Amino acid sequence: MLENSTLSGVKCTVQECHYHCCDDKCSAKTILVNGSNPHTSEQTCCSTFKPECK
């Protein structure tokens, strides 16, 4: 659910991402987190990541 054009309940600390907003929120409409048979959070990755254009 979107809350003020950010994903409610999703926290992101990757400031280099195009979708990163203040207060560590995500402005993407949806996110995709994937990994191959992960057993820890480090074995997953956010495929929604898009480099910030500066």
N, C-alpha and C. Protein backbone atom coordinates (compact mmCIF):
# COMPACT_ATOMS: atom_id res chain seq x y z
N MET A 1 0.83 -1.18 0.00
CA MET A 1 0.00 0.00 0.00
C MET A 1 0.88 1.25 0.00
N LEU A 2 0.56 2.19 -0.87
CA LEU A 2 1.34 3.43 -0.94
C LEU A 2 0.89 4.41 0.13
N GLU A 3 1.86 5.05 0.75
CA GLU A 3 1.59 6.04 1.78
C GLU A 3 2.42 7.27 1.41
N ASN A 4 1.77 8.35 0.98
CA ASN A 4 2.49 9.55 0.55
C ASN A 4 3.48 9.23 -0.56
N SER A 5 3.08 8.42 -1.52
CA SER A 5 3.85 7.97 -2.68
C SER A 5 5.09 7.15 -2.31
N THR A 6 5.09 6.54 -1.13
CA THR A 6 6.14 5.60 -0.75
C THR A 6 5.48 4.31 -0.31
N LEU A 7 6.23 3.22 -0.34
CA LEU A 7 5.70 1.91 0.06
C LEU A 7 5.63 1.81 1.58
N SER A 8 4.45 1.66 2.11
CA SER A 8 4.25 1.54 3.54
C SER A 8 4.92 0.27 4.07
N GLY A 9 5.67 0.40 5.13
CA GLY A 9 6.31 -0.75 5.74
C GLY A 9 7.63 -1.16 5.13
N VAL A 10 8.06 -0.48 4.05
CA VAL A 10 9.32 -0.82 3.40
C VAL A 10 10.36 0.22 3.80
N LYS A 11 11.47 -0.24 4.36
CA LYS A 11 12.56 0.65 4.75
C LYS A 11 13.76 0.34 3.86
N CYS A 12 14.37 1.37 3.31
CA CYS A 12 15.54 1.20 2.45
C CYS A 12 16.60 2.22 2.83
N THR A 13 17.82 1.77 3.06
CA THR A 13 18.90 2.66 3.44
C THR A 13 19.89 2.92 2.30
N VAL A 14 19.56 2.46 1.09
CA VAL A 14 20.45 2.61 -0.07
C VAL A 14 20.22 3.99 -0.70
N GLN A 15 20.97 4.97 -0.24
CA GLN A 15 20.79 6.34 -0.71
C GLN A 15 21.16 6.52 -2.17
N GLU A 16 21.92 5.60 -2.74
CA GLU A 16 22.33 5.68 -4.14
C GLU A 16 21.24 5.20 -5.10
N CYS A 17 20.10 4.75 -4.57
CA CYS A 17 19.01 4.25 -5.40
C CYS A 17 18.07 5.39 -5.80
N HIS A 18 17.62 5.35 -7.03
CA HIS A 18 16.70 6.34 -7.58
C HIS A 18 15.41 6.43 -6.75
N TYR A 19 14.97 5.33 -6.16
CA TYR A 19 13.71 5.28 -5.43
C TYR A 19 13.85 5.64 -3.94
N HIS A 20 15.06 5.88 -3.47
CA HIS A 20 15.28 6.20 -2.05
C HIS A 20 14.72 7.59 -1.73
N CYS A 21 13.96 7.68 -0.64
CA CYS A 21 13.41 8.95 -0.18
C CYS A 21 13.90 9.23 1.23
N CYS A 22 13.67 10.47 1.67
CA CYS A 22 14.06 10.83 3.03
C CYS A 22 13.38 9.88 4.02
N ASP A 23 13.89 9.79 5.19
CA ASP A 23 13.41 8.87 6.22
C ASP A 23 13.54 7.41 5.79
N ASP A 24 14.45 7.12 4.86
CA ASP A 24 14.72 5.76 4.38
C ASP A 24 13.48 5.05 3.87
N LYS A 25 12.69 5.73 3.05
CA LYS A 25 11.50 5.15 2.43
C LYS A 25 11.77 4.87 0.97
N CYS A 26 10.88 4.08 0.35
CA CYS A 26 11.04 3.66 -1.04
C CYS A 26 9.87 4.20 -1.86
N SER A 27 10.17 4.89 -2.96
CA SER A 27 9.11 5.47 -3.80
C SER A 27 8.75 4.61 -5.01
N ALA A 28 9.33 3.40 -5.12
CA ALA A 28 8.97 2.50 -6.22
C ALA A 28 7.52 2.06 -6.04
N LYS A 29 6.83 1.76 -7.13
CA LYS A 29 5.45 1.30 -7.03
C LYS A 29 5.38 -0.12 -6.48
N THR A 30 6.35 -0.94 -6.84
CA THR A 30 6.48 -2.30 -6.31
C THR A 30 7.96 -2.59 -6.17
N ILE A 31 8.28 -3.62 -5.41
CA ILE A 31 9.67 -4.05 -5.30
C ILE A 31 9.75 -5.55 -5.59
N LEU A 32 10.93 -5.97 -6.04
CA LEU A 32 11.20 -7.38 -6.27
C LEU A 32 12.48 -7.73 -5.53
N VAL A 33 12.35 -8.62 -4.55
CA VAL A 33 13.50 -9.10 -3.80
C VAL A 33 13.69 -10.55 -4.19
N ASN A 34 14.90 -10.90 -4.62
CA ASN A 34 15.12 -12.27 -5.04
C ASN A 34 16.46 -12.79 -4.54
N GLY A 35 16.69 -14.04 -4.77
CA GLY A 35 17.91 -14.73 -4.38
C GLY A 35 17.72 -16.20 -4.69
N SER A 36 18.80 -16.92 -4.81
CA SER A 36 18.72 -18.33 -5.14
C SER A 36 18.88 -19.16 -3.87
N ASN A 37 17.78 -19.71 -3.38
CA ASN A 37 17.77 -20.54 -2.18
C ASN A 37 18.43 -19.84 -0.99
N PRO A 38 18.00 -18.62 -0.65
CA PRO A 38 18.64 -17.87 0.43
C PRO A 38 18.36 -18.45 1.81
N HIS A 39 19.35 -18.32 2.69
CA HIS A 39 19.21 -18.73 4.08
C HIS A 39 19.48 -17.56 5.02
N THR A 40 19.99 -16.46 4.47
CA THR A 40 20.24 -15.25 5.25
C THR A 40 19.82 -14.04 4.42
N SER A 41 19.62 -12.90 5.06
CA SER A 41 19.24 -11.69 4.33
C SER A 41 20.34 -11.25 3.37
N GLU A 42 21.60 -11.55 3.67
CA GLU A 42 22.70 -11.18 2.79
C GLU A 42 22.66 -11.94 1.46
N GLN A 43 21.93 -13.03 1.41
CA GLN A 43 21.84 -13.84 0.20
C GLN A 43 20.66 -13.42 -0.68
N THR A 44 20.00 -12.34 -0.32
CA THR A 44 18.91 -11.80 -1.13
C THR A 44 19.35 -10.46 -1.71
N CYS A 45 18.63 -9.99 -2.72
CA CYS A 45 18.96 -8.69 -3.30
C CYS A 45 17.70 -8.03 -3.85
N CYS A 46 17.71 -6.72 -3.90
CA CYS A 46 16.59 -5.96 -4.41
C CYS A 46 16.79 -5.72 -5.91
N SER A 47 15.99 -6.38 -6.72
CA SER A 47 16.09 -6.21 -8.16
C SER A 47 15.45 -4.93 -8.65
N THR A 48 14.78 -4.20 -7.78
CA THR A 48 14.15 -2.93 -8.12
C THR A 48 15.18 -1.80 -8.14
N PHE A 49 16.34 -2.02 -7.53
CA PHE A 49 17.39 -0.99 -7.45
C PHE A 49 17.66 -0.38 -8.81
N LYS A 50 17.70 0.94 -8.84
CA LYS A 50 18.03 1.70 -10.03
C LYS A 50 18.98 2.81 -9.60
N PRO A 51 20.18 2.90 -10.19
CA PRO A 51 21.14 3.91 -9.77
C PRO A 51 20.56 5.32 -9.87
N GLU A 52 20.90 6.13 -8.90
CA GLU A 52 20.47 7.53 -8.88
C GLU A 52 21.24 8.31 -9.93
N CYS A 53 20.54 9.05 -10.75
CA CYS A 53 21.19 9.92 -11.75
C CYS A 53 21.46 11.25 -11.11
N LYS A 54 22.71 11.65 -11.10
CA LYS A 54 23.08 12.94 -10.47
C LYS A 54 23.66 13.87 -11.49
